[in-house]
């Protein structure tokens, strides 16, 4: 089956990651996955939340939002509503969990890294793009701390990235656009480390329940997609990433 944008079922959308896009943040990245564009920044504070005090460990947390015209029609800013939506809160927690899965909290020390992910343009897979870009921003911030001799090696356990998969028109497909996601019989978001371990799998049947065999096909596609994302991350982090990983 040829998809609406001409890809086959195993093809990801074009991936581009630009770094250093914010002159103020300790780490920043603009990630483009097809027509989904997310700005990710990492800010470091020399303090931790109350529940982390006196533990000698650090914390990574996230705020996520969509600009009013990131979608086809303008949406009201959540700040004017008084509080974030349930969807926003769920995505924020997902991004934070994903990044903490590859952080050595003790090696980070008593610091908090705030990740901010702002969706500039949405065409499906915004949470997945945010996780992938946030990892780049986080790594750049950690590299800046290390350059100041404020961090040792091994603060990162590995890489983490996320992609979407789904069953569209009876076919398992990788990296769904918004149109595909809205028509999918099954849609799934998969967060995975470069060691092949899963942080989170969010899968939902919109119509007919899916089988174990179908789920395995989707996970295989997700592994293929995240491997490509790891390549893109390594390409922009090749000069700063190795000292932050465990010594071999």
Protein backbone atom coordinates (compact mmCIF):
# COMPACT_ATOMS: atom_id res chain seq x y z
CA UNK A 1 0.00 0.00 0.00
CA UNK A 2 1.23 3.48 -0.84
CA UNK A 3 0.35 6.00 1.83
CA UNK A 4 -1.09 9.46 1.25
CA UNK A 5 2.38 11.07 1.28
CA UNK A 6 3.90 8.38 -0.94
CA UNK A 7 5.74 6.46 1.79
CA UNK A 8 5.59 2.70 2.20
CA UNK A 9 4.59 1.16 5.51
CA UNK A 10 8.18 0.94 6.83
CA UNK A 11 9.22 4.49 6.01
CA UNK A 12 9.55 7.27 8.57
CA UNK A 13 8.88 10.86 7.70
CA UNK A 14 11.99 13.04 7.08
CA UNK A 15 13.81 13.78 10.35
CA UNK A 16 15.75 16.98 11.02
CA UNK A 17 17.21 18.12 14.35
CA UNK A 18 18.69 21.62 14.72
CA UNK A 19 20.63 22.44 17.90
CA UNK A 20 21.52 25.68 19.64
CA UNK A 21 18.31 27.35 18.51
CA UNK A 22 17.79 29.23 21.79
CA UNK A 23 20.65 31.46 22.97
CA UNK A 24 19.49 31.50 26.61
CA UNK A 25 18.78 27.85 27.41
CA UNK A 26 21.55 25.51 28.55
CA UNK A 27 20.39 23.09 25.86
CA UNK A 28 18.01 23.52 22.94
CA UNK A 29 16.83 21.67 19.84
CA UNK A 30 14.24 22.15 17.14
CA UNK A 31 13.07 18.77 15.89
CA UNK A 32 11.16 18.34 12.65
CA UNK A 33 9.48 15.02 11.92
CA UNK A 34 7.73 15.62 8.64
CA UNK A 35 5.44 18.58 9.21
CA UNK A 36 5.49 18.20 13.01
CA UNK A 37 7.90 20.75 14.49
CA UNK A 38 8.69 20.97 18.22
CA UNK A 39 11.01 23.38 20.02
CA UNK A 40 12.70 21.75 23.04
CA UNK A 41 14.77 23.59 25.66
CA UNK A 42 16.55 22.38 28.80
CA UNK A 43 17.10 24.71 31.78
CA UNK A 44 19.21 23.78 34.82
CA UNK A 45 18.38 24.82 38.40
CA UNK A 46 20.66 24.16 41.37
CA UNK A 47 17.81 22.85 43.50
CA UNK A 48 15.40 19.95 43.57
CA UNK A 49 11.72 19.54 44.48
CA UNK A 50 10.91 19.12 48.18
CA UNK A 51 10.40 15.37 47.86
CA UNK A 52 13.95 15.00 46.49
CA UNK A 53 15.75 17.02 49.15
CA UNK A 54 18.57 15.35 51.10
CA UNK A 55 18.64 12.41 48.65
CA UNK A 56 21.71 13.59 46.77
CA UNK A 57 19.84 12.92 43.54
CA UNK A 58 18.69 15.12 40.70
CA UNK A 59 15.38 15.41 38.90
CA UNK A 60 14.23 15.89 35.32
CA UNK A 61 10.75 17.22 34.65
CA UNK A 62 8.84 18.66 31.70
CA UNK A 63 6.28 21.19 30.59
CA UNK A 64 4.60 20.76 27.20
CA UNK A 65 2.33 22.99 25.20
CA UNK A 66 0.97 23.68 21.73
CA UNK A 67 1.03 27.13 20.20
CA UNK A 68 -2.45 28.43 19.34
CA UNK A 69 -1.94 27.97 15.59
CA UNK A 70 0.01 24.72 15.73
CA UNK A 71 -3.11 23.01 14.37
CA UNK A 72 -5.52 23.55 11.52
CA UNK A 73 -7.66 25.87 13.61
CA UNK A 74 -6.58 28.21 16.38
CA UNK A 75 -6.83 26.80 19.88
CA UNK A 76 -7.00 28.86 23.04
CA UNK A 77 -3.82 29.08 25.10
CA UNK A 78 -4.11 26.88 28.17
CA UNK A 79 -2.70 29.71 30.29
CA UNK A 80 -5.87 31.68 29.63
CA UNK A 81 -7.95 28.70 30.76
CA UNK A 82 -6.23 28.64 34.11
CA UNK A 83 -4.75 25.14 33.99
CA UNK A 84 -3.36 22.58 31.54
CA UNK A 85 -5.69 20.01 30.01
CA UNK A 86 -5.63 16.35 30.98
CA UNK A 87 -3.93 15.56 27.66
CA UNK A 88 -1.19 18.10 28.33
CA UNK A 89 -0.56 16.79 31.84
CA UNK A 90 -0.36 13.21 30.55
CA UNK A 91 2.17 14.16 27.85
CA UNK A 92 4.29 16.17 30.30
CA UNK A 93 4.51 13.19 32.62
CA UNK A 94 5.34 10.87 29.73
CA UNK A 95 8.23 13.06 28.57
CA UNK A 96 9.59 13.33 32.10
CA UNK A 97 9.38 9.56 32.66
CA UNK A 98 11.07 8.89 29.34
CA UNK A 99 14.05 11.11 30.12
CA UNK A 100 14.41 9.91 33.71
CA UNK A 101 14.65 6.36 32.34
CA UNK A 102 18.10 7.17 30.92
CA UNK A 103 19.42 9.50 33.65
CA UNK A 104 21.62 8.50 36.58
CA UNK A 105 19.95 10.63 39.22
CA UNK A 106 22.87 10.47 41.67
CA UNK A 107 25.38 11.46 38.99
CA UNK A 108 23.21 14.48 38.16
CA UNK A 109 23.50 15.74 41.73
CA UNK A 110 21.03 17.98 43.52
CA UNK A 111 19.85 19.71 40.37
CA UNK A 112 16.62 19.95 38.42
CA UNK A 113 16.59 20.01 34.63
CA UNK A 114 13.44 21.62 33.32
CA UNK A 115 12.47 20.50 29.83
CA UNK A 116 10.10 22.73 27.88
CA UNK A 117 8.53 21.33 24.71
CA UNK A 118 6.52 23.74 22.59
CA UNK A 119 4.75 22.44 19.51
CA UNK A 120 5.14 24.99 16.74
CA UNK A 121 3.33 22.93 14.11
CA UNK A 122 1.43 19.67 14.55
CA UNK A 123 0.87 16.89 12.03
CA UNK A 124 0.68 13.85 14.32
CA UNK A 125 3.21 12.37 16.71
CA UNK A 126 3.88 15.53 18.72
CA UNK A 127 4.61 13.67 21.96
CA UNK A 128 7.00 11.34 20.17
CA UNK A 129 8.86 14.20 18.50
CA UNK A 130 8.97 16.03 21.84
CA UNK A 131 10.61 13.08 23.61
CA UNK A 132 13.18 12.64 20.85
CA UNK A 133 14.04 16.35 20.71
CA UNK A 134 13.97 16.74 24.49
CA UNK A 135 16.68 14.11 24.82
CA UNK A 136 18.93 16.19 22.56
CA UNK A 137 18.27 19.38 24.55
CA UNK A 138 18.89 17.53 27.83
CA UNK A 139 22.18 16.08 26.59
CA UNK A 140 23.42 19.49 25.45
CA UNK A 141 22.60 20.96 28.86
CA UNK A 142 24.46 18.15 30.61
CA UNK A 143 27.44 18.64 28.30
CA UNK A 144 27.56 22.30 29.30
CA UNK A 145 27.66 21.33 32.98
CA UNK A 146 30.44 18.84 32.28
CA UNK A 147 32.44 21.45 30.38
CA UNK A 148 32.36 23.53 33.60
CA UNK A 149 33.59 20.50 35.60
CA UNK A 150 30.25 20.31 37.41
CA UNK A 151 29.46 16.77 36.22
CA UNK A 152 31.43 13.57 35.89
CA UNK A 153 30.98 10.89 33.25
CA UNK A 154 28.17 8.37 33.16
CA UNK A 155 25.27 10.72 33.91
CA UNK A 156 23.41 9.18 30.97
CA UNK A 157 22.66 5.46 30.68
CA UNK A 158 21.91 5.64 26.97
CA UNK A 159 19.60 7.23 24.42
CA UNK A 160 15.82 7.41 24.36
CA UNK A 161 13.44 8.22 21.50
CA UNK A 162 9.80 7.68 20.57
CA UNK A 163 7.75 7.03 17.47
CA UNK A 164 4.19 6.24 16.52
CA UNK A 165 2.91 3.16 14.72
CA UNK A 166 -0.55 2.00 13.80
CA UNK A 167 -2.80 -0.13 11.66
CA UNK A 168 -4.21 1.91 8.79
CA UNK A 169 -6.40 0.27 6.17
CA UNK A 170 -5.48 -3.13 7.59
CA UNK A 171 -1.73 -2.50 7.24
CA UNK A 172 0.79 -1.91 10.03
CA UNK A 173 2.50 1.45 9.36
CA UNK A 174 5.35 3.42 10.91
CA UNK A 175 5.28 7.09 11.95
CA UNK A 176 1.68 8.18 11.38
CA UNK A 177 0.75 11.62 10.15
CA UNK A 178 -2.34 13.29 11.60
CA UNK A 179 -4.61 12.13 8.78
CA UNK A 180 -3.41 8.54 9.18
CA UNK A 181 -3.71 8.67 12.95
CA UNK A 182 -7.27 9.99 12.74
CA UNK A 183 -8.25 7.09 10.44
CA UNK A 184 -6.25 4.33 12.13
CA UNK A 185 -7.87 1.16 13.42
CA UNK A 186 -5.06 0.93 15.97
CA UNK A 187 -2.66 3.65 17.04
CA UNK A 188 0.34 3.22 19.31
CA UNK A 189 3.11 5.41 20.73
CA UNK A 190 6.32 3.60 21.66
CA UNK A 191 9.16 4.99 23.79
CA UNK A 192 12.34 2.92 23.56
CA UNK A 193 16.00 3.12 24.60
CA UNK A 194 18.93 2.35 22.33
CA UNK A 195 19.52 -0.78 24.43
CA UNK A 196 16.24 -2.09 23.01
CA UNK A 197 14.26 -1.68 26.22
CA UNK A 198 10.81 -0.10 26.32
CA UNK A 199 9.94 2.83 28.57
CA UNK A 200 6.29 2.99 27.57
CA UNK A 201 3.91 1.47 25.05
CA UNK A 202 0.59 3.27 24.57
CA UNK A 203 -1.64 1.23 22.24
CA UNK A 204 -5.34 1.63 21.55
CA UNK A 205 -7.80 -0.10 19.25
CA UNK A 206 -10.17 2.50 17.87
CA UNK A 207 -12.43 -0.10 16.22
CA UNK A 208 -11.54 -3.79 16.24
CA UNK A 209 -9.26 -5.23 18.96
CA UNK A 210 -5.81 -6.21 17.71
CA UNK A 211 -4.05 -9.54 18.02
CA UNK A 212 -0.76 -10.44 19.66
CA UNK A 213 0.73 -10.97 16.19
CA UNK A 214 -0.39 -7.51 15.08
CA UNK A 215 1.05 -5.96 18.24
CA UNK A 216 4.39 -7.66 17.56
CA UNK A 217 4.43 -6.26 14.02
CA UNK A 218 3.82 -2.79 15.41
CA UNK A 219 6.58 -3.15 17.99
CA UNK A 220 8.99 -4.35 15.28
CA UNK A 221 8.15 -1.26 13.22
CA UNK A 222 8.63 0.95 16.28
CA UNK A 223 12.07 -0.58 16.84
CA UNK A 224 12.97 0.24 13.24
CA UNK A 225 11.70 3.81 13.62
CA UNK A 226 13.43 4.52 16.92
CA UNK A 227 16.70 3.11 15.59
CA UNK A 228 16.54 5.77 12.86
CA UNK A 229 15.84 8.42 15.46
CA UNK A 230 18.87 7.28 17.50
CA UNK A 231 20.99 7.77 14.38
CA UNK A 232 19.67 11.32 14.03
CA UNK A 233 20.34 12.04 17.71
CA UNK A 234 23.88 10.66 17.54
CA UNK A 235 24.62 12.72 14.44
CA UNK A 236 23.97 16.02 16.24
CA UNK A 237 25.44 14.89 19.59
CA UNK A 238 28.54 13.07 18.38
CA UNK A 239 30.95 15.59 19.94
CA UNK A 240 29.30 15.79 23.38
CA UNK A 241 27.53 12.48 23.98
CA UNK A 242 30.37 9.94 24.56
CA UNK A 243 31.74 11.49 27.81
CA UNK A 244 28.24 11.52 29.32
CA UNK A 245 27.69 7.79 28.76
CA UNK A 246 29.10 4.99 30.92
CA UNK A 247 32.69 4.09 30.15
CA UNK A 248 33.02 0.82 28.26
